[in-house]
């Protein structure tokens, strides 16, 4: 399945980019451009990648996520498909990248809860 990348209008400093299809080194150019443009835009304070329709992602997609995370406030919006979730889990990236999918906590929410009750409470 050919990948598609759709950049939605910014809202309150948040840019949402919807990704669908298969992403690898040969097909990620549009996503890479969308991410680079968002990172470079001073009005964008948070980048949300909607990954719920990603059917395949390889190490080049993972690298793009990690580089974008390093350079911006990146969030993944899911639910994260099984193959991508497995890639994130196997590499430990699931511990670094914030995921918003309605059922999982974001990294910030998890930290706030730990701060309120402590890990031994």
C-alpha atoms as a PDB file:
ATOM      1  CA  UNK A   1       0.000   0.000   0.000  1.00  0.00           C
ATOM      2  CA  UNK A   2       1.449   3.332  -1.075  1.00  0.00           C
ATOM      3  CA  UNK A   3       1.963   5.686   1.848  1.00  0.00           C
ATOM      4  CA  UNK A   4      -0.018   8.878   2.184  1.00  0.00           C
ATOM      5  CA  UNK A   5       0.852  11.861   4.332  1.00  0.00           C
ATOM      6  CA  UNK A   6      -1.750  14.507   5.101  1.00  0.00           C
ATOM      7  CA  UNK A   7      -0.863  17.683   6.985  1.00  0.00           C
ATOM      8  CA  UNK A   8      -3.872  19.113   8.815  1.00  0.00           C
ATOM      9  CA  UNK A   9      -4.265  22.816   9.623  1.00  0.00           C
ATOM     10  CA  UNK A  10      -2.447  23.930  12.767  1.00  0.00           C
ATOM     11  CA  UNK A  11      -4.549  24.484  15.857  1.00  0.00           C
ATOM     12  CA  UNK A  12      -3.113  26.300  18.869  1.00  0.00           C
ATOM     13  CA  UNK A  13       0.475  25.535  17.909  1.00  0.00           C
ATOM     14  CA  UNK A  14      -0.246  21.845  17.290  1.00  0.00           C
ATOM     15  CA  UNK A  15       0.328  20.360  13.857  1.00  0.00           C
ATOM     16  CA  UNK A  16      -1.211  16.978  13.085  1.00  0.00           C
ATOM     17  CA  UNK A  17       0.209  14.814  10.316  1.00  0.00           C
ATOM     18  CA  UNK A  18      -1.790  11.730   9.308  1.00  0.00           C
ATOM     19  CA  UNK A  19       0.219   8.796   7.994  1.00  0.00           C
ATOM     20  CA  UNK A  20      -1.169   5.741   6.278  1.00  0.00           C
ATOM     21  CA  UNK A  21       0.305   2.856   4.336  1.00  0.00           C
ATOM     22  CA  UNK A  22       3.772   1.323   4.294  1.00  0.00           C
ATOM     23  CA  UNK A  23       6.822   3.366   5.271  1.00  0.00           C
ATOM     24  CA  UNK A  24      10.406   2.383   4.565  1.00  0.00           C
ATOM     25  CA  UNK A  25      13.559   4.036   3.247  1.00  0.00           C
ATOM     26  CA  UNK A  26      12.093   4.217  -0.272  1.00  0.00           C
ATOM     27  CA  UNK A  27       8.694   5.654   0.693  1.00  0.00           C
ATOM     28  CA  UNK A  28       9.205   8.015   3.616  1.00  0.00           C
ATOM     29  CA  UNK A  29      10.199  11.197   1.744  1.00  0.00           C
ATOM     30  CA  UNK A  30       6.818  12.929   2.090  1.00  0.00           C
ATOM     31  CA  UNK A  31       6.671  12.174   5.811  1.00  0.00           C
ATOM     32  CA  UNK A  32      10.251  13.299   6.306  1.00  0.00           C
ATOM     33  CA  UNK A  33       9.449  16.592   4.559  1.00  0.00           C
ATOM     34  CA  UNK A  34       6.281  17.108   6.636  1.00  0.00           C
ATOM     35  CA  UNK A  35       8.201  16.492   9.868  1.00  0.00           C
ATOM     36  CA  UNK A  36      11.123  18.744   8.886  1.00  0.00           C
ATOM     37  CA  UNK A  37       8.734  21.532   7.909  1.00  0.00           C
ATOM     38  CA  UNK A  38       6.902  21.277  11.246  1.00  0.00           C
ATOM     39  CA  UNK A  39      10.149  21.244  13.241  1.00  0.00           C
ATOM     40  CA  UNK A  40      11.373  24.349  11.400  1.00  0.00           C
ATOM     41  CA  UNK A  41       8.105  26.284  11.853  1.00  0.00           C
ATOM     42  CA  UNK A  42       8.326  28.575  14.885  1.00  0.00           C
ATOM     43  CA  UNK A  43       4.531  28.608  15.281  1.00  0.00           C
ATOM     44  CA  UNK A  44       4.431  24.819  15.763  1.00  0.00           C
ATOM     45  CA  UNK A  45       4.991  23.898  19.407  1.00  0.00           C
ATOM     46  CA  UNK A  46       3.885  20.267  19.160  1.00  0.00           C
ATOM     47  CA  UNK A  47       3.837  17.736  16.334  1.00  0.00           C
ATOM     48  CA  UNK A  48       1.315  14.904  16.422  1.00  0.00           C
ATOM     49  CA  UNK A  49       1.782  11.998  14.025  1.00  0.00           C
ATOM     50  CA  UNK A  50      -1.433  10.052  13.560  1.00  0.00           C
ATOM     51  CA  UNK A  51      -0.103   6.544  12.944  1.00  0.00           C
ATOM     52  CA  UNK A  52      -3.286   4.494  13.317  1.00  0.00           C
ATOM     53  CA  UNK A  53      -3.317   3.609   9.590  1.00  0.00           C
ATOM     54  CA  UNK A  54       0.367   2.741   9.204  1.00  0.00           C
ATOM     55  CA  UNK A  55       0.435  -0.818   7.853  1.00  0.00           C
ATOM     56  CA  UNK A  56       4.221  -1.272   7.835  1.00  0.00           C
ATOM     57  CA  UNK A  57       7.164   0.613   9.308  1.00  0.00           C
ATOM     58  CA  UNK A  58      10.840  -0.308   9.255  1.00  0.00           C
ATOM     59  CA  UNK A  59      13.973   1.013  10.944  1.00  0.00           C
ATOM     60  CA  UNK A  60      14.082   4.092   8.702  1.00  0.00           C
ATOM     61  CA  UNK A  61      10.595   5.066   9.937  1.00  0.00           C
ATOM     62  CA  UNK A  62      11.749   4.483  13.509  1.00  0.00           C
ATOM     63  CA  UNK A  63      14.823   6.635  12.898  1.00  0.00           C
ATOM     64  CA  UNK A  64      12.624   9.420  11.532  1.00  0.00           C
ATOM     65  CA  UNK A  65      10.453   9.245  14.666  1.00  0.00           C
ATOM     66  CA  UNK A  66      13.457   9.409  16.985  1.00  0.00           C
ATOM     67  CA  UNK A  67      15.138  12.280  15.130  1.00  0.00           C
ATOM     68  CA  UNK A  68      11.871  14.214  15.063  1.00  0.00           C
ATOM     69  CA  UNK A  69      11.361  13.512  18.783  1.00  0.00           C
ATOM     70  CA  UNK A  70      14.863  14.817  19.489  1.00  0.00           C
ATOM     71  CA  UNK A  71      14.131  18.049  17.626  1.00  0.00           C
ATOM     72  CA  UNK A  72      10.521  18.698  18.697  1.00  0.00           C
ATOM     73  CA  UNK A  73       7.664  17.862  21.025  1.00  0.00           C
ATOM     74  CA  UNK A  74       6.495  14.778  19.116  1.00  0.00           C
ATOM     75  CA  UNK A  75       3.431  12.720  20.015  1.00  0.00           C
ATOM     76  CA  UNK A  76       2.139   9.613  18.280  1.00  0.00           C
ATOM     77  CA  UNK A  77      -1.615   9.303  17.978  1.00  0.00           C
ATOM     78  CA  UNK A  78      -2.998   5.816  17.724  1.00  0.00           C
ATOM     79  CA  UNK A  79      -4.106   3.303  18.458  1.00  0.00           C
ATOM     80  CA  UNK A  80      -0.684   2.165  17.322  1.00  0.00           C
ATOM     81  CA  UNK A  81      -0.937  -0.759  14.863  1.00  0.00           C
ATOM     82  CA  UNK A  82       0.491  -4.079  16.096  1.00  0.00           C
ATOM     83  CA  UNK A  83       3.506  -4.142  13.765  1.00  0.00           C
ATOM     84  CA  UNK A  84       4.551  -0.611  14.699  1.00  0.00           C
ATOM     85  CA  UNK A  85       3.886  -1.243  18.391  1.00  0.00           C
ATOM     86  CA  UNK A  86       6.127  -4.315  18.216  1.00  0.00           C
ATOM     87  CA  UNK A  87       8.902  -2.315  16.511  1.00  0.00           C
ATOM     88  CA  UNK A  88       8.694   0.363  19.209  1.00  0.00           C
ATOM     89  CA  UNK A  89       8.682  -2.247  21.973  1.00  0.00           C
ATOM     90  CA  UNK A  90      11.596  -4.297  20.593  1.00  0.00           C
ATOM     91  CA  UNK A  91      13.798  -1.211  20.294  1.00  0.00           C
ATOM     92  CA  UNK A  92      12.765   0.470  23.546  1.00  0.00           C
ATOM     93  CA  UNK A  93      11.392   3.450  21.638  1.00  0.00           C
ATOM     94  CA  UNK A  94       8.038   2.909  23.354  1.00  0.00           C
ATOM     95  CA  UNK A  95       9.725   4.196  26.521  1.00  0.00           C
ATOM     96  CA  UNK A  96      10.844   7.386  24.781  1.00  0.00           C
ATOM     97  CA  UNK A  97       7.981   8.340  22.471  1.00  0.00           C
ATOM     98  CA  UNK A  98       4.713   9.679  23.853  1.00  0.00           C
ATOM     99  CA  UNK A  99       1.610   7.894  22.579  1.00  0.00           C
ATOM    100  CA  UNK A 100      -1.898   9.321  22.724  1.00  0.00           C
ATOM    101  CA  UNK A 101      -4.576   6.797  21.843  1.00  0.00           C
ATOM    102  CA  UNK A 102      -7.395   7.314  24.289  1.00  0.00           C
ATOM    103  CA  UNK A 103      -6.532   4.253  26.355  1.00  0.00           C
ATOM    104  CA  UNK A 104      -2.821   4.723  27.030  1.00  0.00           C
ATOM    105  CA  UNK A 105      -1.369   7.498  29.140  1.00  0.00           C
ATOM    106  CA  UNK A 106       0.997  10.003  27.643  1.00  0.00           C
ATOM    107  CA  UNK A 107       4.470  10.129  29.160  1.00  0.00           C
ATOM    108  CA  UNK A 108       3.577  13.379  30.945  1.00  0.00           C
ATOM    109  CA  UNK A 109       0.439  11.924  32.500  1.00  0.00           C
ATOM    110  CA  UNK A 110       2.386   8.912  33.740  1.00  0.00           C
ATOM    111  CA  UNK A 111       5.021  11.161  35.316  1.00  0.00           C
ATOM    112  CA  UNK A 112       2.346  13.317  36.967  1.00  0.00           C
ATOM    113  CA  UNK A 113       0.683  10.254  38.487  1.00  0.00           C
ATOM    114  CA  UNK A 114       3.995   8.929  39.781  1.00  0.00           C
ATOM    115  CA  UNK A 115       4.769  12.325  41.236  1.00  0.00           C
ATOM    116  CA  UNK A 116       1.423  12.454  43.026  1.00  0.00           C
ATOM    117  CA  UNK A 117       1.446   9.003  44.543  1.00  0.00           C
ATOM    118  CA  UNK A 118       5.058   7.873  44.285  1.00  0.00           C
ATOM    119  CA  UNK A 119       6.116   4.501  42.940  1.00  0.00           C
ATOM    120  CA  UNK A 120       5.589   2.741  46.298  1.00  0.00           C
ATOM    121  CA  UNK A 121       2.181   4.138  47.144  1.00  0.00           C
END
